[in-house]
Amino acid sequence: MHYLCSSGKERSLNGSLVTAVVRRYNSYDRGRRLYFWHTSAPMTAFRFYWVVFTSGGILMALEILSSRLLAPHFGNSVYVWGSIIGTFLAALSVGYVAGGLLADRSPTMEMLGRLVVIIALCQAVLLLFGERLVAWLGELTGGLPAGTLLATGLLFGPVSILLGMVSPFAVRLAARDLEHLGNTAGRLYALSTAGSLIGTLGSTFVMIPYLQLAQMFALLLLLTALTGLIALGGSWRRESVASLTAIVLLLVALPRLAASSDYGEALYKRITPYQTLQVLEENGVRYLRSDNINHAAIRIEDGTPALSYSQVVPGALLFKPEIERVLVLGMGAGNIGSYLHSARPEIRVDYVDIDPAVPVIARDYFGFRQDETTKVHVVDGRRFLEDTEESWDLILCDTYIGLSVPFHLSTLEFFKLVDRRLTPGGVLGINLAGGVDHPFSRAIYRTVAEQFSSVYLFQAVRSQNVLLFAHHAPSLIPTEELIERGQTLDAEIEFALPLATIARRRVGVDLVVSHDKILRDAFAPVERLIALRPDQEKR
């Protein structure tokens, strides 16, 4: 008869000794195989399970919040999320190996407590320096996909590796019975996953909608430092350095939990589930900035639009002079409607925006008001068009800006849907920030031309933005005729930028896009086509 002793050597035993070993083994309560449940007080078990649970929650909360830290400088595209997921998975793989090695060398609660305190130190770096570091990395790399991966790895790789070490370390501490090792590991990973679920849902539905970025990182730091102290438990004196470090980190986190109105250069800043919004003022102009891109602006003196592309929107009247209803996808500050109303008060405008924070900011900082001619719908633009049976004379898509263009609003299937919601002779308008020769602009042009028979481009003043207008007509209208139409309308309607001037700014008449891809729901690589720098303004 053979058995494997604690030294790993195989030894032979006589029958009586084997019987004694088996009896001693059977004397354990098989329903309590976890080490801390049958060798220590219940409080030790609580400390142990608390560490496992909270570590899983903190890991997933950091993964969700990392997108909010990166978005202002790298966008919120598939590249960003691919970099985040890839970095966390790679870091966890390294952490699992490192955690197993560390646990075999020093399998104690004190060592686990030290590990958690080091995790808290990494989070303190994110809290104190994260925004400045990501801004520097964004400027250094130009917000390119490779830069996104670099920034994610540098900022979140170390803390993810350390968090990955917790699970194998916990298994090593809990496992004292090889016969039930699988059950032990399964229970611990289930507990960690439950924590991950709470961390994911809590950060998504509670922290991001209601807390500022610094508050969120401070809350996670507070929880991690507290968990470190709990893990150290009755060893605070022996582990004085780790304990004092955790206490200092608690003191660092606590003041930053309070909401602050100090936004640096910004009048207002808010992180929403969709973007980071800021309100800024400069040289008499107030800007609404989303993920570091100016989405709207007004002149403080008179409230008129300050981004020149807005003045080209009335160019739709060149194709349908009697516009009565307008739908704007992407609300911004709501000044498109106010600009149209300045010359045509009877026009009714519907705004659609997926982010409920946008109309609130437009109201509080840009003078936007809802009335009988202006309504706001908080919903995804495509979903809105799918669910409604109403129609509009002009549907303006103002969602193609920055590094995070919603691909489902750029495909042929989407433009077919838009076409169904236009009145006879209705016009589609699109604001393209990249210019005529930009790959994304060319792809949009080609896709729109697949659905609409006539497509036109007009250059904004002092800006690379172009406004695309499309409608159904037997043939393209010559520029000279558009100018004549503009002059006729200018005699009746007065806009800051005359319609005849808009007509003269027609560009891309000979644009050839036959080699550009048609964007479809099945394949719309908008991230690859977009090359705007994250600090480029939407002027």
Protein backbone atom coordinates (compact mmCIF):
# COMPACT_ATOMS: atom_id res chain seq x y z
CA MET A 1 0.00 0.00 0.00
CA HIS A 2 1.34 3.42 -0.93
CA TYR A 3 0.37 7.01 -0.14
CA LEU A 4 1.74 10.44 -1.02
CA CYS A 5 3.07 12.25 2.05
CA SER A 6 3.37 16.04 2.48
CA SER A 7 6.96 15.97 1.21
CA GLY A 8 5.79 14.48 -2.08
CA LYS A 9 7.63 11.14 -1.58
CA GLU A 10 5.83 7.85 -1.95
CA ARG A 11 6.13 5.58 1.09
CA SER A 12 4.92 2.12 1.96
CA LEU A 13 2.81 1.52 5.06
CA ASN A 14 1.68 -1.57 6.81
CA GLY A 15 -1.99 -2.28 7.06
CA SER A 16 -2.48 -0.89 10.57
CA LEU A 17 -0.85 2.41 9.75
CA VAL A 18 -3.00 2.78 6.62
CA THR A 19 -6.09 2.14 8.68
CA ALA A 20 -5.06 4.82 11.16
CA VAL A 21 -4.49 7.37 8.41
CA VAL A 22 -7.85 6.62 6.81
CA ARG A 23 -9.66 6.93 10.14
CA ARG A 24 -7.99 10.25 10.86
CA TYR A 25 -8.88 11.50 7.39
CA ASN A 26 -12.54 10.46 7.83
CA SER A 27 -12.68 12.28 11.16
CA TYR A 28 -12.85 15.63 9.33
CA ASP A 29 -16.27 17.09 8.63
CA ARG A 30 -16.50 16.57 4.85
CA GLY A 31 -19.05 19.35 4.59
CA ARG A 32 -16.44 21.90 5.69
CA ARG A 33 -13.42 21.51 3.45
CA LEU A 34 -12.33 25.13 3.31
CA TYR A 35 -9.29 25.78 5.42
CA PHE A 36 -10.61 28.82 7.26
CA TRP A 37 -13.84 27.14 8.24
CA HIS A 38 -12.32 24.35 10.25
CA THR A 39 -9.08 25.91 11.54
CA SER A 40 -9.98 29.53 12.33
CA ALA A 41 -12.69 31.74 13.77
CA PRO A 42 -15.68 32.78 11.64
CA MET A 43 -14.25 36.31 11.40
CA THR A 44 -11.23 34.95 9.56
CA ALA A 45 -13.53 33.22 7.09
CA PHE A 46 -15.40 36.49 6.57
CA ARG A 47 -12.16 38.37 5.94
CA PHE A 48 -11.07 35.79 3.42
CA TYR A 49 -14.34 35.72 1.49
CA TRP A 50 -14.62 39.50 1.58
CA VAL A 51 -11.27 39.83 -0.20
CA VAL A 52 -12.28 37.32 -2.88
CA PHE A 53 -15.66 38.97 -3.46
CA THR A 54 -14.52 42.60 -3.55
CA SER A 55 -11.48 41.89 -5.73
CA GLY A 56 -13.76 40.53 -8.45
CA GLY A 57 -16.01 43.58 -8.18
CA ILE A 58 -13.14 46.07 -8.27
CA LEU A 59 -11.64 44.39 -11.34
CA MET A 60 -14.79 44.70 -13.41
CA ALA A 61 -15.57 48.20 -12.16
CA LEU A 62 -12.11 49.32 -13.28
CA GLU A 63 -12.65 47.72 -16.68
CA ILE A 64 -15.91 49.63 -17.17
CA LEU A 65 -14.51 52.93 -15.85
CA SER A 66 -11.37 52.67 -17.97
CA SER A 67 -13.47 53.56 -21.03
CA ARG A 68 -14.57 56.79 -19.34
CA LEU A 69 -10.97 57.74 -18.61
CA LEU A 70 -9.79 56.95 -22.15
CA ALA A 71 -12.75 58.33 -24.14
CA PRO A 72 -11.93 62.07 -24.05
CA HIS A 73 -8.59 61.42 -25.74
CA PHE A 74 -9.08 58.15 -27.64
CA GLY A 75 -12.81 58.05 -28.31
CA ASN A 76 -15.18 55.25 -27.42
CA SER A 77 -14.77 53.11 -30.52
CA VAL A 78 -14.31 49.39 -31.00
CA TYR A 79 -10.54 50.03 -30.86
CA VAL A 80 -10.88 51.38 -27.34
CA TRP A 81 -13.00 48.50 -26.12
CA GLY A 82 -10.81 45.97 -27.91
CA SER A 83 -7.75 47.45 -26.20
CA ILE A 84 -9.48 47.42 -22.80
CA ILE A 85 -10.69 43.84 -23.06
CA GLY A 86 -7.39 42.62 -24.52
CA THR A 87 -5.33 44.37 -21.84
CA PHE A 88 -7.42 43.02 -18.98
CA LEU A 89 -7.39 39.47 -20.37
CA ALA A 90 -3.62 39.51 -20.91
CA ALA A 91 -3.07 41.01 -17.47
CA LEU A 92 -5.28 38.41 -15.83
CA SER A 93 -3.33 35.62 -17.52
CA VAL A 94 -0.09 37.00 -16.11
CA GLY A 95 -1.72 37.57 -12.74
CA TYR A 96 -2.99 34.00 -12.48
CA VAL A 97 0.50 32.62 -12.99
CA ALA A 98 2.15 35.14 -10.68
CA GLY A 99 -0.51 34.66 -8.01
CA GLY A 100 -0.02 30.91 -8.01
CA LEU A 101 3.74 31.24 -7.65
CA LEU A 102 3.42 33.77 -4.81
CA ALA A 103 0.85 31.67 -2.99
CA ASP A 104 3.09 28.59 -3.06
CA ARG A 105 5.91 30.62 -1.51
CA SER A 106 3.94 32.42 1.20
CA PRO A 107 0.35 31.19 1.60
CA THR A 108 -0.82 33.49 4.42
CA MET A 109 -3.60 36.01 4.95
CA GLU A 110 -0.97 38.62 5.74
CA MET A 111 0.60 38.23 2.31
CA LEU A 112 -2.86 38.47 0.71
CA GLY A 113 -3.46 41.66 2.68
CA ARG A 114 -0.18 43.15 1.45
CA LEU A 115 -1.16 42.29 -2.11
CA VAL A 116 -4.48 44.14 -1.73
CA VAL A 117 -2.71 47.21 -0.34
CA ILE A 118 -0.40 47.26 -3.37
CA ILE A 119 -3.50 47.09 -5.57
CA ALA A 120 -4.81 50.14 -3.72
CA LEU A 121 -1.54 51.97 -4.39
CA CYS A 122 -1.96 51.40 -8.13
CA GLN A 123 -5.50 52.75 -7.92
CA ALA A 124 -4.22 55.84 -6.11
CA VAL A 125 -2.01 56.55 -9.12
CA LEU A 126 -5.09 56.36 -11.37
CA LEU A 127 -7.01 58.68 -9.06
CA LEU A 128 -4.27 61.28 -8.67
CA PHE A 129 -2.61 61.21 -12.09
CA GLY A 130 -4.86 59.17 -14.42
CA GLU A 131 -6.48 62.06 -16.31
CA ARG A 132 -3.16 63.84 -16.87
CA LEU A 133 -1.43 60.65 -17.95
CA VAL A 134 -4.11 59.71 -20.47
CA ALA A 135 -4.13 63.27 -21.86
CA TRP A 136 -0.35 63.12 -22.31
CA LEU A 137 -0.52 59.71 -23.96
CA GLY A 138 -3.34 60.88 -26.22
CA GLU A 139 -1.28 63.84 -27.37
CA LEU A 140 1.83 61.69 -27.76
CA THR A 141 0.14 59.03 -29.89
CA GLY A 142 -2.42 61.20 -31.68
CA GLY A 143 -5.28 59.04 -30.42
CA LEU A 144 -4.37 56.26 -32.86
CA PRO A 145 -5.49 52.66 -32.22
CA ALA A 146 -1.95 51.62 -31.27
CA GLY A 147 -1.85 54.53 -28.84
CA THR A 148 -5.09 53.31 -27.29
CA LEU A 149 -3.56 49.91 -26.62
CA LEU A 150 -0.41 51.52 -25.18
CA ALA A 151 -2.39 53.81 -22.88
CA THR A 152 -4.64 51.00 -21.67
CA GLY A 153 -1.67 48.75 -20.97
CA LEU A 154 0.30 51.37 -19.06
CA LEU A 155 -2.61 52.67 -17.01
CA PHE A 156 -4.55 49.48 -16.26
CA GLY A 157 -2.13 46.63 -16.93
CA PRO A 158 -0.34 46.66 -13.52
CA VAL A 159 -3.48 46.87 -11.40
CA SER A 160 -5.18 44.15 -13.48
CA ILE A 161 -2.19 41.81 -13.03
CA LEU A 162 -2.32 42.30 -9.27
CA LEU A 163 -6.07 41.73 -9.14
CA GLY A 164 -5.61 38.59 -11.20
CA MET A 165 -3.25 37.26 -8.53
CA VAL A 166 -5.98 37.19 -5.89
CA SER A 167 -7.98 34.20 -7.18
CA PRO A 168 -5.16 31.61 -7.40
CA PHE A 169 -3.81 32.91 -4.09
CA ALA A 170 -7.21 32.39 -2.50
CA VAL A 171 -7.47 28.84 -3.87
CA ARG A 172 -4.07 28.02 -2.38
CA LEU A 173 -5.11 29.38 1.02
CA ALA A 174 -8.43 27.56 1.06
CA ALA A 175 -7.31 24.20 -0.32
CA ARG A 176 -6.24 21.72 2.33
CA ASP A 177 -8.01 18.70 0.89
CA LEU A 178 -6.92 17.51 -2.56
CA GLU A 179 -9.98 15.30 -2.88
CA HIS A 180 -12.23 18.39 -2.89
CA LEU A 181 -9.88 20.89 -4.51
CA GLY A 182 -12.11 21.28 -7.57
CA ASN A 183 -15.14 22.07 -5.42
CA THR A 184 -13.11 24.57 -3.38
CA ALA A 185 -11.81 26.35 -6.47
CA GLY A 186 -15.25 26.38 -8.07
CA ARG A 187 -16.85 27.99 -5.02
CA LEU A 188 -14.18 30.66 -4.81
CA TYR A 189 -14.38 31.51 -8.49
CA ALA A 190 -18.18 31.66 -8.19
CA LEU A 191 -17.81 34.12 -5.32
CA SER A 192 -15.34 36.21 -7.29
CA THR A 193 -17.65 36.19 -10.32
CA ALA A 194 -20.56 37.31 -8.15
CA GLY A 195 -18.40 40.24 -7.09
CA SER A 196 -17.60 40.93 -10.74
CA LEU A 197 -21.32 41.00 -11.52
CA ILE A 198 -21.96 43.54 -8.76
CA GLY A 199 -18.99 45.62 -9.93
CA THR A 200 -20.21 45.61 -13.53
CA LEU A 201 -23.82 46.51 -12.78
CA GLY A 202 -22.90 48.98 -10.05
CA SER A 203 -20.47 50.93 -12.21
CA THR A 204 -22.78 50.84 -15.25
CA PHE A 205 -26.10 51.76 -13.63
CA VAL A 206 -25.06 53.65 -10.48
CA MET A 207 -21.58 55.15 -10.56
CA ILE A 208 -21.28 56.38 -14.16
CA PRO A 209 -24.76 57.99 -14.36
CA TYR A 210 -24.45 59.79 -11.00
CA LEU A 211 -20.80 60.30 -10.05
CA GLN A 212 -17.88 62.25 -11.45
CA LEU A 213 -14.81 60.37 -12.64
CA ALA A 214 -12.68 61.32 -9.63
CA GLN A 215 -15.47 60.26 -7.28
CA MET A 216 -15.69 56.85 -8.94
CA PHE A 217 -11.98 56.16 -8.70
CA ALA A 218 -11.96 57.47 -5.11
CA LEU A 219 -14.81 55.11 -4.18
CA LEU A 220 -12.93 52.12 -5.61
CA LEU A 221 -9.73 53.19 -3.85
CA LEU A 222 -11.60 53.52 -0.55
CA LEU A 223 -13.09 50.05 -0.95
CA THR A 224 -9.74 48.50 -1.87
CA ALA A 225 -7.83 50.14 0.99
CA LEU A 226 -10.53 49.07 3.43
CA THR A 227 -10.35 45.54 2.04
CA GLY A 228 -6.60 45.57 2.61
CA LEU A 229 -7.11 46.43 6.28
CA ILE A 230 -9.75 43.73 6.61
CA ALA A 231 -7.41 41.17 5.07
CA LEU A 232 -4.62 42.10 7.47
CA GLY A 233 -7.07 41.68 10.35
CA GLY A 234 -5.34 41.02 13.67
CA SER A 235 -1.90 41.46 12.12
CA TRP A 236 -1.97 45.25 11.99
CA ARG A 237 0.97 45.59 14.39
CA ARG A 238 3.12 43.01 12.66
CA GLU A 239 2.15 44.43 9.27
CA SER A 240 2.55 48.05 10.34
CA VAL A 241 3.87 49.32 6.99
CA ALA A 242 1.02 47.79 4.98
CA SER A 243 -1.57 48.88 7.56
CA LEU A 244 -0.34 52.48 7.68
CA THR A 245 -0.23 52.59 3.89
CA ALA A 246 -3.85 51.46 3.70
CA ILE A 247 -4.88 54.10 6.24
CA VAL A 248 -3.08 56.85 4.29
CA LEU A 249 -4.84 55.72 1.12
CA LEU A 250 -8.18 55.89 2.92
CA LEU A 251 -7.39 59.49 3.85
CA VAL A 252 -6.45 60.23 0.26
CA ALA A 253 -9.71 58.81 -1.07
CA LEU A 254 -12.18 60.29 1.41
CA PRO A 255 -11.92 63.99 0.44
CA ARG A 256 -12.34 63.13 -3.23
CA LEU A 257 -15.66 61.40 -2.65
CA ALA A 258 -17.33 64.77 -2.21
CA ALA A 259 -18.72 66.28 -5.40
CA SER A 260 -16.70 69.24 -6.58
CA SER A 261 -17.68 72.08 -8.89
CA ASP A 262 -14.05 72.76 -9.77
CA TYR A 263 -13.75 71.59 -13.36
CA GLY A 264 -10.56 73.45 -14.19
CA GLU A 265 -11.16 75.36 -17.41
CA ALA A 266 -14.67 73.92 -17.80
CA LEU A 267 -17.83 75.57 -16.48
CA TYR A 268 -19.38 72.13 -16.16
CA LYS A 269 -18.33 68.54 -16.62
CA ARG A 270 -20.34 65.36 -16.55
CA ILE A 271 -19.59 61.75 -17.35
CA THR A 272 -22.58 59.92 -18.76
CA PRO A 273 -23.01 56.30 -19.91
CA TYR A 274 -22.29 57.52 -23.45
CA GLN A 275 -19.65 60.25 -23.27
CA THR A 276 -17.80 62.87 -21.24
CA LEU A 277 -19.53 66.23 -21.61
CA GLN A 278 -17.99 69.60 -20.85
CA VAL A 279 -19.15 73.19 -21.11
CA LEU A 280 -16.37 75.71 -21.74
CA GLU A 281 -16.09 79.40 -22.57
CA GLU A 282 -13.43 81.10 -24.67
CA ASN A 283 -13.34 84.50 -26.38
CA GLY A 284 -17.03 85.15 -25.93
CA VAL A 285 -18.08 81.70 -27.19
CA ARG A 286 -19.58 78.92 -25.10
CA TYR A 287 -18.81 75.37 -26.28
CA LEU A 288 -20.41 72.00 -25.65
CA ARG A 289 -17.61 69.47 -25.87
CA SER A 290 -18.09 65.72 -26.05
CA ASP A 291 -15.02 63.52 -25.54
CA ASN A 292 -12.79 66.50 -26.35
CA ILE A 293 -14.63 67.38 -29.59
CA ASN A 294 -16.71 70.54 -29.84
CA HIS A 295 -20.22 69.46 -30.75
CA ALA A 296 -21.92 72.82 -30.50
CA ALA A 297 -21.17 76.45 -29.66
CA ILE A 298 -23.00 79.74 -29.29
CA ARG A 299 -21.89 83.34 -29.08
CA ILE A 300 -22.67 84.43 -25.54
CA GLU A 301 -23.65 87.94 -26.64
CA ASP A 302 -26.60 86.97 -28.82
CA GLY A 303 -26.92 83.14 -28.62
CA THR A 304 -26.28 82.59 -32.33
CA PRO A 305 -24.43 79.46 -33.49
CA ALA A 306 -20.65 79.87 -33.44
CA LEU A 307 -19.69 76.76 -35.40
CA SER A 308 -19.84 77.68 -39.04
CA TYR A 309 -21.31 74.41 -40.28
CA SER A 310 -24.60 75.36 -38.58
CA GLN A 311 -25.00 78.28 -40.99
CA VAL A 312 -24.97 75.89 -43.97
CA VAL A 313 -27.91 73.79 -42.71
CA PRO A 314 -30.52 76.16 -44.29
CA GLY A 315 -29.01 75.13 -47.64
CA ALA A 316 -31.67 72.39 -47.62
CA LEU A 317 -34.11 75.12 -48.66
CA LEU A 318 -32.39 75.19 -52.05
CA PHE A 319 -33.95 71.79 -52.72
CA LYS A 320 -37.23 72.10 -50.80
CA PRO A 321 -38.14 75.75 -50.17
CA GLU A 322 -41.25 75.00 -48.13
CA ILE A 323 -39.70 73.11 -45.23
CA GLU A 324 -42.13 72.85 -42.33
CA ARG A 325 -40.82 69.96 -40.23
CA VAL A 326 -37.20 69.19 -39.36
CA LEU A 327 -35.74 66.20 -37.52
CA VAL A 328 -32.23 66.56 -36.06
CA LEU A 329 -30.42 63.39 -34.99
CA GLY A 330 -27.77 64.47 -32.51
CA MET A 331 -29.02 67.42 -30.49
CA GLY A 332 -25.84 69.20 -29.43
CA ALA A 333 -26.86 72.49 -27.81
CA GLY A 334 -30.12 72.68 -29.75
CA ASN A 335 -29.03 75.73 -31.72
CA ILE A 336 -29.76 74.33 -35.19
CA GLY A 337 -33.45 74.79 -34.53
CA SER A 338 -32.99 78.25 -33.05
CA TYR A 339 -31.02 79.31 -36.12
CA LEU A 340 -33.75 78.06 -38.46
CA HIS A 341 -36.38 79.76 -36.31
CA SER A 342 -34.55 83.08 -36.60
CA ALA A 343 -35.73 83.29 -40.22
CA ARG A 344 -38.59 80.79 -40.31
CA PRO A 345 -40.34 80.78 -36.88
CA GLU A 346 -43.07 78.43 -38.11
CA ILE A 347 -40.67 75.50 -38.66
CA ARG A 348 -41.22 72.67 -36.19
CA VAL A 349 -38.08 70.90 -35.01
CA ASP A 350 -37.74 67.49 -33.37
CA TYR A 351 -34.42 66.63 -31.73
CA VAL A 352 -33.34 63.05 -31.04
CA ASP A 353 -30.43 62.22 -28.75
CA ILE A 354 -29.62 59.01 -26.93
CA ASP A 355 -28.02 60.80 -23.96
CA PRO A 356 -30.53 62.29 -21.47
CA ALA A 357 -27.84 64.64 -20.13
CA VAL A 358 -27.60 66.54 -23.43
CA PRO A 359 -30.99 68.32 -23.33
CA VAL A 360 -30.42 69.20 -19.67
CA ILE A 361 -27.08 70.85 -20.46
CA ALA A 362 -28.58 72.57 -23.51
CA ARG A 363 -31.27 74.04 -21.29
CA ASP A 364 -29.01 75.06 -18.39
CA TYR A 365 -26.07 76.48 -20.36
CA PHE A 366 -27.23 77.26 -23.90
CA GLY A 367 -30.68 78.75 -23.45
CA PHE A 368 -32.52 75.87 -25.11
CA ARG A 369 -36.25 75.72 -24.47
CA GLN A 370 -38.95 73.28 -25.54
CA ASP A 371 -42.21 74.75 -26.82
CA GLU A 372 -44.95 74.00 -29.35
CA THR A 373 -42.41 74.16 -32.21
CA THR A 374 -39.54 72.30 -30.52
CA LYS A 375 -39.50 68.83 -28.97
CA VAL A 376 -36.79 66.51 -27.66
CA HIS A 377 -36.84 62.71 -27.82
CA VAL A 378 -34.30 60.83 -25.71
CA VAL A 379 -33.72 57.61 -27.64
CA ASP A 380 -31.37 56.08 -30.17
CA GLY A 381 -31.83 57.77 -33.55
CA ARG A 382 -32.34 54.61 -35.55
CA ARG A 383 -34.70 53.19 -32.95
CA PHE A 384 -36.73 56.40 -33.10
CA LEU A 385 -37.07 56.19 -36.88
CA GLU A 386 -38.04 52.52 -36.67
CA ASP A 387 -40.79 53.18 -34.13
CA THR A 388 -42.38 56.28 -35.64
CA GLU A 389 -44.71 56.66 -38.60
CA GLU A 390 -44.21 60.43 -38.87
CA SER A 391 -42.37 62.14 -41.71
CA TRP A 392 -40.20 65.25 -42.04
CA ASP A 393 -39.18 67.62 -44.80
CA LEU A 394 -35.56 67.66 -43.63
CA ILE A 395 -33.77 64.98 -41.61
CA LEU A 396 -30.36 66.22 -40.46
CA CYS A 397 -27.82 63.67 -39.19
CA ASP A 398 -25.34 65.43 -36.92
CA THR A 399 -23.79 62.35 -35.32
CA TYR A 400 -20.68 61.87 -37.48
CA ILE A 401 -17.98 63.49 -35.38
CA GLY A 402 -15.04 62.40 -33.26
CA LEU A 403 -13.53 58.97 -32.87
CA SER A 404 -16.74 57.14 -31.94
CA VAL A 405 -19.21 57.39 -34.81
CA PRO A 406 -22.26 55.13 -34.27
CA PHE A 407 -21.83 52.77 -37.21
CA HIS A 408 -25.53 51.85 -37.33
CA LEU A 409 -26.30 55.46 -38.32
CA SER A 410 -23.99 55.34 -41.31
CA THR A 411 -25.14 52.32 -43.30
CA LEU A 412 -27.24 51.84 -46.40
CA GLU A 413 -29.98 50.20 -44.35
CA PHE A 414 -30.14 53.30 -42.14
CA PHE A 415 -30.43 55.65 -45.12
CA LYS A 416 -33.20 53.51 -46.56
CA LEU A 417 -35.02 54.00 -43.27
CA VAL A 418 -34.40 57.76 -43.40
CA ASP A 419 -35.78 57.84 -46.94
CA ARG A 420 -39.01 56.23 -45.75
CA ARG A 421 -39.43 58.96 -43.13
CA LEU A 422 -39.00 61.86 -45.57
CA THR A 423 -41.97 63.66 -47.08
CA PRO A 424 -42.20 63.71 -50.90
CA GLY A 425 -39.34 65.86 -52.09
CA GLY A 426 -37.77 65.73 -48.60
CA VAL A 427 -34.07 66.27 -48.02
CA LEU A 428 -31.44 64.33 -46.09
CA GLY A 429 -28.72 66.50 -44.54
CA ILE A 430 -25.44 65.24 -43.06
CA ASN A 431 -22.69 67.18 -41.32
CA LEU A 432 -19.30 65.67 -42.22
CA ALA A 433 -16.40 67.05 -40.18
CA GLY A 434 -13.62 65.37 -42.12
CA GLY A 435 -13.86 67.27 -45.41
CA VAL A 436 -14.57 66.17 -48.97
CA ASP A 437 -11.53 63.93 -49.41
CA HIS A 438 -11.74 62.24 -46.01
CA PRO A 439 -12.17 58.44 -46.35
CA PHE A 440 -15.19 58.42 -44.06
CA SER A 441 -16.82 61.31 -45.94
CA ARG A 442 -16.28 59.53 -49.24
CA ALA A 443 -17.77 56.31 -47.87
CA ILE A 444 -20.83 58.18 -46.58
CA TYR A 445 -21.21 59.93 -49.95
CA ARG A 446 -21.04 56.60 -51.79
CA THR A 447 -23.52 54.97 -49.43
CA VAL A 448 -26.00 57.85 -49.61
CA ALA A 449 -25.71 57.94 -53.41
CA GLU A 450 -26.75 54.29 -53.49
CA GLN A 451 -30.14 55.28 -52.02
CA PHE A 452 -30.71 58.86 -53.25
CA SER A 453 -30.50 59.91 -56.87
CA SER A 454 -29.02 63.38 -56.23
CA VAL A 455 -26.26 64.17 -53.72
CA TYR A 456 -24.60 67.57 -53.14
CA LEU A 457 -21.72 68.83 -50.99
CA PHE A 458 -21.28 72.36 -49.62
CA GLN A 459 -18.18 73.66 -47.86
CA ALA A 460 -18.63 75.46 -44.54
CA VAL A 461 -17.00 78.86 -44.07
CA ARG A 462 -13.57 78.85 -42.36
CA SER A 463 -13.90 75.14 -41.69
CA GLN A 464 -13.14 71.81 -43.30
CA ASN A 465 -16.69 70.65 -42.54
CA VAL A 466 -18.93 69.86 -45.48
CA LEU A 467 -22.70 69.58 -45.49
CA LEU A 468 -24.12 66.79 -47.61
CA PHE A 469 -27.67 67.14 -48.95
CA ALA A 470 -29.48 64.38 -50.81
CA HIS A 471 -32.93 64.02 -52.32
CA HIS A 472 -34.67 62.30 -55.18
CA ALA A 473 -34.51 64.16 -58.50
CA PRO A 474 -34.14 63.05 -62.12
CA SER A 475 -30.77 64.79 -62.40
CA LEU A 476 -28.36 67.00 -60.48
CA ILE A 477 -29.20 70.69 -60.38
CA PRO A 478 -26.44 72.89 -61.90
CA THR A 479 -24.66 75.22 -59.51
CA GLU A 480 -25.85 78.30 -61.45
CA GLU A 481 -29.46 77.27 -60.95
CA LEU A 482 -28.86 76.71 -57.22
CA ILE A 483 -27.41 80.21 -56.97
CA GLU A 484 -30.50 81.65 -58.69
CA ARG A 485 -32.75 79.74 -56.30
CA GLY A 486 -30.73 81.10 -53.40
CA GLN A 487 -31.02 84.67 -54.59
CA THR A 488 -34.78 84.31 -54.93
CA LEU A 489 -35.11 82.89 -51.43
CA ASP A 490 -32.77 85.50 -49.95
CA ALA A 491 -35.25 88.17 -51.01
CA GLU A 492 -37.82 86.51 -48.72
CA ILE A 493 -35.71 84.90 -45.98
CA GLU A 494 -32.74 86.42 -44.20
CA PHE A 495 -30.09 84.14 -42.71
CA ALA A 496 -26.67 85.21 -41.45
CA LEU A 497 -25.15 83.31 -44.37
CA PRO A 498 -27.23 83.98 -47.50
CA LEU A 499 -28.54 80.96 -49.35
CA ALA A 500 -26.94 82.20 -52.59
CA THR A 501 -23.58 82.20 -50.81
CA ILE A 502 -24.18 78.64 -49.64
CA ALA A 503 -24.94 77.63 -53.24
CA ARG A 504 -21.67 79.18 -54.39
CA ARG A 505 -19.80 77.03 -51.87
CA ARG A 506 -20.77 73.83 -53.62
CA VAL A 507 -17.83 71.39 -53.83
CA GLY A 508 -17.14 67.85 -55.00
CA VAL A 509 -19.06 68.21 -58.25
CA ASP A 510 -16.63 65.86 -59.96
CA LEU A 511 -16.09 63.64 -56.92
CA VAL A 512 -15.52 60.03 -57.95
CA VAL A 513 -16.33 57.46 -55.26
CA SER A 514 -16.78 54.33 -57.35
CA HIS A 515 -13.85 52.68 -55.59
CA ASP A 516 -15.11 53.54 -52.08
CA LYS A 517 -17.03 50.99 -50.05
CA ILE A 518 -20.76 51.08 -49.47
CA LEU A 519 -21.32 50.88 -45.73
CA ARG A 520 -23.79 48.20 -44.68
CA ASP A 521 -25.03 46.81 -41.39
CA ALA A 522 -22.98 43.68 -42.06
CA PHE A 523 -19.78 45.64 -42.73
CA ALA A 524 -19.26 49.26 -41.72
CA PRO A 525 -15.63 49.77 -40.60
CA VAL A 526 -16.16 53.36 -39.54
CA GLU A 527 -13.32 53.28 -36.99
CA ARG A 528 -10.84 52.41 -39.71
CA LEU A 529 -12.12 55.19 -41.95
CA ILE A 530 -12.05 57.91 -39.31
CA ALA A 531 -8.78 59.75 -38.86
CA LEU A 532 -9.81 62.84 -36.90
CA ARG A 533 -7.51 63.74 -34.05
CA PRO A 534 -9.35 63.78 -30.73
CA ASP A 535 -8.46 67.44 -30.11
CA GLN A 536 -9.74 68.60 -33.51
CA GLU A 537 -12.66 70.98 -33.16
CA LYS A 538 -15.93 70.69 -35.00
CA ARG A 539 -15.82 74.12 -36.67
